[in-house]
């Protein structure tokens, strides 16, 4: 195993986190600023959360359990 499964998780979570953070910036800062500079924090957050994807998955599972309990 050369870690290719881990890289799949990095890309999936990283891209989803990037999109979520960019959309949050878009709605928080408005259309102009959100589109122009919102990708910068989205790129940073997507990179970090992508590499920490097992923790992100555990956190999401925990939130789902808390919400449905």
N, C-alpha and C. Protein backbone atom coordinates (compact mmCIF):
# COMPACT_ATOMS: atom_id res chain seq x y z
N UNK A 1 0.86 -1.19 0.00
CA UNK A 1 0.00 0.00 0.00
C UNK A 1 0.89 1.23 0.00
N UNK A 2 0.73 2.07 -0.96
CA UNK A 2 1.56 3.27 -1.08
C UNK A 2 0.85 4.54 -0.62
N UNK A 3 -0.24 4.40 0.07
CA UNK A 3 -0.96 5.57 0.58
C UNK A 3 -1.93 6.18 -0.41
N UNK A 4 -2.25 5.47 -1.49
CA UNK A 4 -3.15 6.05 -2.49
C UNK A 4 -4.56 6.22 -1.94
N UNK A 5 -4.98 5.34 -1.02
CA UNK A 5 -6.30 5.50 -0.40
C UNK A 5 -6.37 6.76 0.43
N UNK A 6 -5.28 7.07 1.11
CA UNK A 6 -5.24 8.30 1.91
C UNK A 6 -5.34 9.52 0.99
N UNK A 7 -4.67 9.47 -0.15
CA UNK A 7 -4.70 10.60 -1.08
C UNK A 7 -6.09 10.81 -1.68
N UNK A 8 -6.84 9.74 -1.85
CA UNK A 8 -8.22 9.88 -2.33
C UNK A 8 -9.03 10.67 -1.30
N UNK A 9 -8.85 10.34 -0.03
CA UNK A 9 -9.53 11.08 1.04
C UNK A 9 -9.09 12.52 1.10
N UNK A 10 -7.79 12.76 0.89
CA UNK A 10 -7.26 14.14 0.89
C UNK A 10 -7.97 14.96 -0.18
N UNK A 11 -8.09 14.41 -1.37
CA UNK A 11 -8.71 15.16 -2.47
C UNK A 11 -10.21 15.37 -2.25
N UNK A 12 -10.90 14.34 -1.80
CA UNK A 12 -12.35 14.46 -1.61
C UNK A 12 -12.66 15.50 -0.54
N UNK A 13 -12.05 15.35 0.64
CA UNK A 13 -12.33 16.27 1.74
C UNK A 13 -11.78 17.66 1.43
N UNK A 14 -10.61 17.74 0.81
CA UNK A 14 -10.02 19.03 0.47
C UNK A 14 -10.89 19.84 -0.49
N UNK A 15 -11.39 19.18 -1.51
CA UNK A 15 -12.23 19.88 -2.50
C UNK A 15 -13.56 20.29 -1.88
N UNK A 16 -14.16 19.40 -1.07
CA UNK A 16 -15.43 19.76 -0.42
C UNK A 16 -15.23 20.90 0.58
N UNK A 17 -14.12 20.87 1.33
CA UNK A 17 -13.85 21.94 2.29
C UNK A 17 -13.59 23.25 1.56
N UNK A 18 -12.84 23.20 0.45
CA UNK A 18 -12.57 24.39 -0.34
C UNK A 18 -13.87 25.03 -0.81
N UNK A 19 -14.76 24.20 -1.35
CA UNK A 19 -16.03 24.72 -1.85
C UNK A 19 -16.88 25.30 -0.72
N UNK A 20 -16.93 24.62 0.41
CA UNK A 20 -17.74 25.10 1.53
C UNK A 20 -17.20 26.42 2.08
N UNK A 21 -15.89 26.52 2.22
CA UNK A 21 -15.30 27.75 2.76
C UNK A 21 -15.46 28.90 1.77
N UNK A 22 -15.32 28.63 0.49
CA UNK A 22 -15.47 29.68 -0.51
C UNK A 22 -16.93 30.17 -0.55
N UNK A 23 -17.87 29.25 -0.46
CA UNK A 23 -19.27 29.66 -0.42
C UNK A 23 -19.58 30.46 0.84
N UNK A 24 -18.99 30.06 1.96
CA UNK A 24 -19.18 30.82 3.19
C UNK A 24 -18.63 32.24 3.04
N UNK A 25 -17.46 32.36 2.43
CA UNK A 25 -16.88 33.69 2.19
C UNK A 25 -17.76 34.49 1.24
N UNK A 26 -18.29 33.84 0.25
CA UNK A 26 -19.16 34.51 -0.72
C UNK A 26 -20.40 35.09 -0.03
N UNK A 27 -21.03 34.32 0.83
CA UNK A 27 -22.23 34.80 1.51
C UNK A 27 -21.90 35.78 2.63
N UNK A 28 -20.74 35.64 3.25
CA UNK A 28 -20.37 36.53 4.35
C UNK A 28 -19.86 37.88 3.86
N UNK A 29 -19.04 37.87 2.84
CA UNK A 29 -18.37 39.09 2.37
C UNK A 29 -19.05 39.73 1.18
N UNK A 30 -20.04 39.07 0.60
CA UNK A 30 -20.71 39.62 -0.57
C UNK A 30 -20.13 39.04 -1.84
N UNK A 31 -20.79 39.33 -2.92
CA UNK A 31 -20.42 38.73 -4.21
C UNK A 31 -19.03 39.15 -4.67
N UNK A 32 -18.74 40.43 -4.63
CA UNK A 32 -17.47 40.92 -5.17
C UNK A 32 -16.27 40.43 -4.36
N UNK A 33 -16.25 40.71 -3.07
CA UNK A 33 -15.11 40.29 -2.25
C UNK A 33 -15.06 38.77 -2.09
N UNK A 34 -16.20 38.14 -1.97
CA UNK A 34 -16.24 36.69 -1.81
C UNK A 34 -15.64 35.96 -2.99
N UNK A 35 -15.93 36.44 -4.19
CA UNK A 35 -15.37 35.80 -5.38
C UNK A 35 -13.91 36.18 -5.61
N UNK A 36 -13.58 37.44 -5.29
CA UNK A 36 -12.22 37.90 -5.59
C UNK A 36 -11.18 37.36 -4.61
N UNK A 37 -11.45 37.42 -3.32
CA UNK A 37 -10.43 36.99 -2.37
C UNK A 37 -10.88 35.86 -1.47
N UNK A 38 -12.08 35.37 -1.64
CA UNK A 38 -12.56 34.27 -0.81
C UNK A 38 -11.85 32.96 -1.08
N UNK A 39 -11.25 32.84 -2.25
CA UNK A 39 -10.54 31.60 -2.58
C UNK A 39 -9.26 31.44 -1.76
N UNK A 40 -8.71 32.54 -1.23
CA UNK A 40 -7.46 32.45 -0.47
C UNK A 40 -7.67 31.68 0.84
N UNK A 41 -8.61 32.10 1.72
CA UNK A 41 -8.83 31.28 2.91
C UNK A 41 -9.40 29.90 2.57
N UNK A 42 -10.13 29.81 1.47
CA UNK A 42 -10.67 28.51 1.06
C UNK A 42 -9.54 27.56 0.67
N UNK A 43 -8.54 28.07 0.00
CA UNK A 43 -7.40 27.23 -0.39
C UNK A 43 -6.63 26.76 0.84
N UNK A 44 -6.40 27.66 1.77
CA UNK A 44 -5.67 27.31 3.00
C UNK A 44 -6.48 26.29 3.81
N UNK A 45 -7.76 26.58 4.02
CA UNK A 45 -8.60 25.66 4.79
C UNK A 45 -8.77 24.31 4.11
N UNK A 46 -8.95 24.32 2.79
CA UNK A 46 -9.09 23.07 2.06
C UNK A 46 -7.83 22.22 2.13
N UNK A 47 -6.67 22.87 2.06
CA UNK A 47 -5.39 22.15 2.15
C UNK A 47 -5.23 21.51 3.53
N UNK A 48 -5.48 22.29 4.57
CA UNK A 48 -5.30 21.79 5.94
C UNK A 48 -6.32 20.69 6.25
N UNK A 49 -7.58 20.95 5.96
CA UNK A 49 -8.62 19.96 6.25
C UNK A 49 -8.49 18.72 5.37
N UNK A 50 -7.96 18.89 4.16
CA UNK A 50 -7.74 17.74 3.30
C UNK A 50 -6.73 16.78 3.90
N UNK A 51 -5.63 17.29 4.41
CA UNK A 51 -4.60 16.44 5.00
C UNK A 51 -5.02 15.87 6.34
N UNK A 52 -5.96 16.53 7.02
CA UNK A 52 -6.47 16.03 8.30
C UNK A 52 -7.82 15.34 8.13
N UNK A 53 -8.07 14.78 6.97
CA UNK A 53 -9.39 14.26 6.65
C UNK A 53 -9.89 13.18 7.60
N UNK A 54 -9.07 12.32 8.18
CA UNK A 54 -9.67 11.35 9.12
C UNK A 54 -10.31 12.04 10.33
N UNK A 55 -9.70 13.11 10.81
CA UNK A 55 -10.29 13.86 11.93
C UNK A 55 -11.58 14.55 11.50
N UNK A 56 -11.60 15.06 10.28
CA UNK A 56 -12.81 15.72 9.77
C UNK A 56 -13.95 14.71 9.66
N UNK A 57 -13.66 13.52 9.17
CA UNK A 57 -14.69 12.50 9.04
C UNK A 57 -15.22 12.10 10.42
N UNK A 58 -14.33 11.94 11.39
CA UNK A 58 -14.77 11.61 12.75
C UNK A 58 -15.62 12.73 13.34
N UNK A 59 -15.25 13.98 13.10
CA UNK A 59 -16.02 15.10 13.61
C UNK A 59 -17.41 15.14 12.98
N UNK A 60 -17.50 14.89 11.69
CA UNK A 60 -18.80 14.89 11.00
C UNK A 60 -19.67 13.75 11.53
N UNK A 61 -19.08 12.57 11.73
CA UNK A 61 -19.84 11.45 12.28
C UNK A 61 -20.34 11.80 13.69
N UNK A 62 -19.47 12.42 14.49
CA UNK A 62 -19.87 12.84 15.83
C UNK A 62 -21.01 13.84 15.81
N UNK A 63 -20.95 14.80 14.90
CA UNK A 63 -22.04 15.78 14.78
C UNK A 63 -23.34 15.12 14.35
N UNK A 64 -23.26 14.18 13.45
CA UNK A 64 -24.47 13.48 13.01
C UNK A 64 -25.08 12.71 14.18
N UNK A 65 -24.23 12.05 14.96
CA UNK A 65 -24.73 11.31 16.12
C UNK A 65 -25.37 12.26 17.13
N UNK A 66 -24.73 13.41 17.39
CA UNK A 66 -25.29 14.37 18.34
C UNK A 66 -26.61 14.96 17.86
N UNK A 67 -26.70 15.24 16.59
CA UNK A 67 -27.93 15.83 16.04
C UNK A 67 -29.08 14.82 16.08
N UNK A 68 -28.80 13.56 15.77
CA UNK A 68 -29.86 12.55 15.70
C UNK A 68 -30.18 11.93 17.05
N UNK A 69 -29.44 12.26 18.07
CA UNK A 69 -29.68 11.65 19.39
C UNK A 69 -30.73 12.37 20.12
